Protein backbone atom coordinates (compact mmCIF):
# COMPACT_ATOMS: atom_id res chain seq x y z
CA MET A 1 -1.30 27.19 3.36
CA PRO A 2 -3.18 24.01 3.30
CA ARG A 3 -2.96 21.99 6.80
CA ILE A 4 -2.51 18.30 7.21
CA LEU A 5 -2.71 16.08 10.11
CA ILE A 6 -0.42 12.94 10.28
CA ALA A 7 -2.01 10.55 12.95
CA GLY A 8 0.93 8.25 13.26
CA CYS A 9 4.02 10.08 12.82
CA GLY A 10 6.04 7.02 12.85
CA TYR A 11 8.37 5.18 10.24
CA VAL A 12 6.31 6.22 7.39
CA GLY A 13 4.24 8.92 8.92
CA HIS A 14 7.30 11.00 9.81
CA ALA A 15 8.63 10.62 6.29
CA THR A 16 5.16 11.54 4.54
CA ALA A 17 5.10 14.68 7.10
CA ASP A 18 8.38 15.85 5.72
CA LEU A 19 7.36 15.35 2.28
CA PHE A 20 3.92 17.45 3.00
CA HIS A 21 6.31 20.20 4.76
CA ALA A 22 8.57 20.43 1.91
CA ALA A 23 5.97 20.79 -0.66
CA GLY A 24 4.61 23.92 1.65
CA TRP A 25 1.83 22.56 3.62
CA ALA A 26 1.41 23.23 7.08
CA VAL A 27 2.06 19.76 8.89
CA GLU A 28 0.86 18.54 12.34
CA GLY A 29 2.17 15.15 13.29
CA TRP A 30 0.70 13.07 16.47
CA THR A 31 2.27 9.88 18.22
CA ARG A 32 1.35 7.67 21.01
CA SER A 33 4.98 7.45 22.16
CA ALA A 34 6.59 10.12 24.47
CA THR A 35 10.04 8.93 22.97
CA SER A 36 8.82 9.53 19.26
CA ALA A 37 7.35 12.83 20.21
CA ALA A 38 10.65 14.03 21.81
CA ARG A 39 12.61 12.42 18.87
CA LEU A 40 10.90 14.40 16.48
CA SER A 41 10.65 17.44 18.31
CA THR A 42 13.35 19.34 16.28
CA LYS A 43 11.17 19.08 13.07
CA PRO A 44 10.04 22.17 11.48
CA TYR A 45 6.44 21.24 12.07
CA ARG A 46 4.57 20.54 15.22
CA VAL A 47 4.54 17.11 17.01
CA CYS A 48 2.15 16.01 19.54
CA ARG A 49 1.72 12.65 21.51
CA VAL A 50 -2.21 11.74 21.11
CA ASP A 51 -3.21 8.28 21.17
CA ILE A 52 -5.94 8.22 18.25
CA SER A 53 -7.57 5.24 20.20
CA GLU A 54 -8.52 7.27 23.17
CA GLN A 55 -11.54 9.62 21.94
CA THR A 56 -10.82 12.20 24.86
CA GLN A 57 -7.73 12.98 23.34
CA VAL A 58 -8.46 13.22 19.88
CA LEU A 59 -11.04 15.97 21.07
CA ALA A 60 -8.60 17.76 23.52
CA HIS A 61 -6.33 18.11 20.35
CA THR A 62 -8.68 18.91 17.56
CA PRO A 63 -10.82 22.29 18.57
CA ALA A 64 -13.57 22.91 16.31
CA ASP A 65 -11.44 25.66 14.56
CA ALA A 66 -8.83 23.04 13.74
CA GLY A 67 -8.49 23.58 10.07
CA PHE A 68 -7.28 20.38 8.85
CA ASP A 69 -7.86 20.10 4.99
CA ALA A 70 -6.15 16.49 5.04
CA VAL A 71 -5.77 13.85 7.65
CA ILE A 72 -3.74 10.68 7.03
CA HIS A 73 -4.37 7.79 9.59
CA CYS A 74 -1.09 5.82 9.55
CA ALA A 75 -0.76 4.70 13.21
CA SER A 76 1.04 1.51 13.64
CA SER A 77 -0.04 -1.56 15.79
CA ARG A 78 3.66 -1.76 16.59
CA GLY A 79 3.03 -5.69 16.26
CA GLY A 80 0.52 -6.04 18.41
CA GLY A 81 -2.71 -8.24 18.40
CA VAL A 82 -6.10 -8.32 17.76
CA GLU A 83 -6.85 -6.09 20.29
CA SER A 84 -4.42 -3.37 19.38
CA TYR A 85 -5.71 -3.68 15.98
CA ARG A 86 -9.25 -2.84 17.13
CA GLN A 87 -8.00 -0.05 19.17
CA ILE A 88 -5.81 1.57 16.92
CA TYR A 89 -7.17 1.12 13.48
CA LEU A 90 -11.04 0.87 13.79
CA HIS A 91 -11.72 2.89 16.92
CA GLY A 92 -9.00 5.68 16.04
CA ALA A 93 -10.27 5.65 12.58
CA ARG A 94 -13.96 6.37 13.93
CA ASN A 95 -12.71 9.00 16.31
CA LEU A 96 -10.87 11.30 13.44
CA LEU A 97 -13.94 10.44 11.76
CA ASP A 98 -16.62 11.57 14.05
CA ARG A 99 -14.30 14.39 15.46
CA ILE A 100 -12.67 15.82 11.75
CA VAL A 101 -15.81 15.83 9.76
CA GLY A 102 -15.72 16.64 5.85
CA LYS A 103 -12.09 16.71 5.33
CA ASN A 104 -10.00 14.62 3.16
CA MET A 105 -9.34 11.36 4.93
CA LEU A 106 -7.02 8.59 4.10
CA PHE A 107 -6.17 5.33 5.92
CA THR A 108 -3.29 3.17 5.38
CA SER A 109 -4.47 -0.26 5.13
CA SER A 110 -2.16 -3.26 4.09
CA THR A 111 -2.35 -5.97 1.09
CA SER A 112 -2.50 -8.60 3.69
CA VAL A 113 -6.27 -8.46 3.37
CA TYR A 114 -5.81 -10.32 0.14
CA ALA A 115 -5.68 -14.01 1.02
CA GLN A 116 -5.14 -15.68 -2.35
CA ARG A 117 -2.28 -18.34 -2.04
CA ASP A 118 -2.10 -19.60 -5.73
CA GLY A 119 0.35 -16.78 -6.81
CA SER A 120 -2.23 -15.08 -8.96
CA TRP A 121 -2.22 -11.32 -9.64
CA VAL A 122 -4.39 -9.47 -7.37
CA THR A 123 -5.71 -5.90 -8.00
CA GLU A 124 -8.17 -3.53 -5.86
CA GLU A 125 -11.23 -5.18 -7.14
CA SER A 126 -9.61 -8.77 -6.12
CA GLU A 127 -11.76 -10.88 -3.30
CA THR A 128 -10.53 -10.12 0.26
CA GLU A 129 -11.24 -12.57 2.73
CA PRO A 130 -8.28 -12.42 5.26
CA PRO A 131 -8.13 -15.49 7.56
CA ARG A 132 -6.97 -13.88 10.65
CA GLU A 133 -9.07 -11.64 13.05
CA THR A 134 -6.40 -8.64 12.52
CA GLY A 135 -7.08 -8.74 8.64
CA ARG A 136 -11.01 -8.64 9.25
CA ILE A 137 -10.59 -5.47 11.23
CA LEU A 138 -8.84 -3.73 8.64
CA LEU A 139 -11.33 -4.55 6.36
CA GLU A 140 -13.92 -3.32 8.80
CA THR A 141 -11.79 -0.05 9.06
CA GLU A 142 -11.44 0.32 5.48
CA LYS A 143 -15.12 0.02 5.09
CA MET A 144 -15.92 2.75 7.58
CA MET A 145 -13.59 5.14 5.82
CA LEU A 146 -14.96 4.68 2.25
CA ASP A 147 -18.53 4.85 3.57
CA ARG A 148 -17.50 8.36 4.89
CA GLY A 149 -15.97 9.52 2.03
CA GLY A 150 -12.23 8.72 2.53
CA MET A 151 -9.87 6.83 0.76
CA VAL A 152 -7.89 3.48 1.53
CA ALA A 153 -4.15 2.72 0.56
CA ARG A 154 -3.28 -0.83 0.83
CA LEU A 155 0.65 -0.69 1.60
CA ALA A 156 2.58 -3.99 0.75
CA GLY A 157 5.62 -4.91 3.04
CA ILE A 158 7.43 -1.90 4.35
CA TYR A 159 11.12 -1.65 3.65
CA GLY A 160 13.95 1.42 3.69
CA PRO A 161 16.62 2.83 5.49
CA GLY A 162 17.37 0.68 8.84
CA ARG A 163 14.11 -1.69 8.06
CA SER A 164 13.66 -4.69 6.30
CA GLY A 165 12.17 -7.85 7.49
CA LEU A 166 13.93 -10.06 4.84
CA LEU A 167 17.45 -8.50 5.35
CA THR A 168 17.12 -9.14 8.91
CA LYS A 169 16.07 -12.78 8.78
CA PHE A 170 18.92 -13.26 6.46
CA LEU A 171 21.78 -11.39 8.80
CA ALA A 172 20.65 -13.04 11.93
CA GLY A 173 20.70 -16.46 9.90
CA THR A 174 16.94 -17.38 10.73
CA ALA A 175 16.07 -17.05 6.98
CA ILE A 176 15.13 -20.56 5.22
CA ILE A 177 14.57 -21.64 1.78
CA ASP A 178 11.49 -23.97 1.55
CA PRO A 179 10.97 -25.11 -1.77
CA GLU A 180 7.70 -26.71 -0.93
CA ASN A 181 6.16 -23.51 0.74
CA ASP A 182 7.99 -20.76 -1.24
CA ARG A 183 5.88 -17.42 -2.02
CA PHE A 184 5.59 -14.25 -3.65
CA VAL A 185 6.41 -11.17 -1.42
CA ASN A 186 5.21 -7.83 -2.43
CA GLN A 187 7.15 -5.03 -0.96
CA VAL A 188 7.55 -1.25 -1.37
CA HIS A 189 9.85 1.32 -0.04
CA ARG A 190 9.03 3.85 2.94
CA ASP A 191 9.53 6.81 0.29
CA ASP A 192 7.98 5.72 -2.14
CA ILE A 193 4.68 5.22 0.47
CA ALA A 194 5.44 8.66 1.24
CA ALA A 195 4.98 9.91 -2.74
CA ALA A 196 1.72 7.73 -2.71
CA LEU A 197 0.25 9.63 0.03
CA PHE A 198 1.35 13.14 -1.27
CA LEU A 199 -0.03 12.42 -4.47
CA LEU A 200 -3.15 10.95 -3.29
CA LEU A 201 -4.16 13.86 -1.12
CA SER A 202 -2.97 16.59 -3.70
CA GLY A 203 -3.65 15.08 -7.02
CA GLU A 204 -6.59 13.66 -9.06
CA ALA A 205 -7.55 11.08 -6.92
CA ARG A 206 -11.30 10.33 -6.01
CA ASP A 207 -12.87 9.88 -3.03
CA ALA A 208 -13.91 6.57 -1.74
CA GLN A 209 -11.15 4.54 -3.41
CA ILE A 210 -8.71 1.98 -2.72
CA TYR A 211 -5.11 2.05 -4.04
CA ASN A 212 -2.62 -0.79 -4.09
CA VAL A 213 0.56 0.93 -2.66
CA VAL A 214 3.21 -1.53 -3.78
CA ASP A 215 6.42 -1.64 -6.19
CA ASP A 216 6.87 -3.11 -9.73
CA GLN A 217 8.26 -6.50 -9.51
CA PRO A 218 6.63 -9.28 -6.72
CA ILE A 219 9.55 -11.40 -6.07
CA LEU A 220 9.71 -15.13 -4.85
CA GLN A 221 10.84 -15.24 -1.25
CA SER A 222 13.58 -17.46 -2.10
CA GLU A 223 14.92 -15.22 -4.93
CA CYS A 224 15.25 -12.05 -1.94
CA TYR A 225 17.52 -14.66 -0.23
CA ARG A 226 19.42 -15.66 -3.21
CA TRP A 227 19.80 -11.87 -4.20
CA LEU A 228 21.09 -11.08 -0.93
CA ALA A 229 23.61 -13.82 -0.46
CA GLN A 230 25.14 -12.96 -3.92
CA ARG A 231 25.19 -9.29 -3.19
CA LEU A 232 26.64 -9.68 0.25
CA ASN A 233 29.11 -12.57 -0.71
CA ARG A 234 27.61 -14.80 2.04
CA LEU A 235 26.14 -18.27 2.11
CA ALA A 236 22.22 -18.68 0.98
CA PRO A 237 20.23 -19.70 3.82
CA PRO A 238 19.83 -23.22 4.16
CA ILE A 239 16.73 -25.18 2.55
CA GLY A 240 14.21 -26.70 4.92
CA LYS A 241 10.79 -26.53 6.15
CA SER A 242 9.56 -23.28 7.86
CA ASN A 243 7.51 -23.46 10.76
CA ARG A 244 7.55 -19.84 11.56
CA GLN A 245 4.28 -18.01 11.40
CA ARG A 246 4.18 -15.22 8.97
CA LYS A 247 3.21 -12.12 10.37
CA ARG A 248 1.03 -11.18 7.44
CA GLY A 249 -0.55 -13.98 7.06
CA ASP A 250 0.06 -17.08 5.08
CA SER A 251 -0.71 -16.24 1.47
CA ASN A 252 0.98 -16.11 -1.54
CA LYS A 253 0.03 -13.59 -4.35
CA ARG A 254 1.14 -10.58 -6.77
CA VAL A 255 -0.23 -7.30 -5.85
CA SER A 256 -0.82 -4.74 -9.11
CA ASN A 257 0.03 -1.06 -8.32
CA ALA A 258 -1.49 -0.36 -12.10
CA LYS A 259 -4.31 1.73 -10.50
CA LEU A 260 -1.84 4.13 -8.38
CA ARG A 261 0.37 4.51 -11.68
CA ARG A 262 -2.39 5.57 -13.89
CA LEU A 263 -2.61 8.59 -11.57
CA GLY A 264 0.77 9.39 -12.40
CA TRP A 265 2.58 7.26 -9.41
CA VAL A 266 6.01 5.82 -10.50
CA PRO A 267 8.22 4.48 -7.58
CA ARG A 268 11.73 5.74 -7.06
CA TYR A 269 12.70 2.22 -6.74
CA ALA A 270 10.63 0.14 -8.77
CA THR A 271 12.20 -3.17 -7.68
CA PHE A 272 13.42 -4.92 -4.57
CA ALA A 273 17.11 -4.82 -5.67
CA GLU A 274 16.73 -1.62 -6.60
CA GLY A 275 15.83 -0.25 -3.25
CA MET A 276 18.05 -2.39 -1.45
CA GLU A 277 21.26 -1.65 -3.49
CA LYS A 278 20.79 2.32 -3.85
CA ASN A 279 18.99 3.18 -0.17
CA VAL A 280 18.93 0.21 2.42
CA LEU A 281 22.29 -1.68 2.46
CA PRO A 282 24.68 0.93 2.78
CA SER A 283 22.84 2.01 6.09
CA PHE A 284 21.93 -1.13 7.08
CA VAL A 285 24.42 -3.73 6.81
CA TYR A 286 28.10 -1.92 6.80
CA ARG A 287 27.20 -0.31 10.05
CA SER A 288 26.56 -3.68 11.72
């Protein structure tokens, strides 16, 4: 029975852990939060409270005979800034790589490392020059992972049950349609991310490779809001000038998933509309 460590058993991590467990893998999950560890204590696999940015904690929970066949670093910064990124992503990856040597290792990065602003298509070979320090830390972590033979999955904007940044803004009345600053948004459903990570570590993916994990159809932000307005029978957001700083950077690009699809990955929710209609809206909107 192969064994996998999910370092970061949060929104994406626990769904990924569930998938590996269902496929017959022995799973261990780590989370920084005592609350999360308690909530996941009923899972049919072990979940421990471990902060991967702390070397002593990683050492204490990974004895020499830990026997992991694969490791996924999918810990979240939880909205933190530069120092949080450096501790959780860069130092966390280094601690895992130094302790769990020679195993299949995968780091979940972000498509925010692509800084293109002209609406062009980008692939894994496209230029990466993020203007923010957080993006540069992600790239530094990617390089370290690739240099040590690991893989990188660049995740687009994550949504799923109970989570959608665009839907939250729409329902809160804070969304604005800015015709002069419209942009493509690239998204992917949480369950499709889990399926991609499973494929990358159990299929024919090669080490030291980068894969974009994103759905099939980038969509203009204004189109997302108009679709939500029509679907929910509400007024569309007002037209105006948005001055809010975007969490994932001020970019405008369309991210290609062709490389991942060539491995056989097929997203269950190929578009924003499909994912929202079939999986997100029933649990998100009607309970509020």
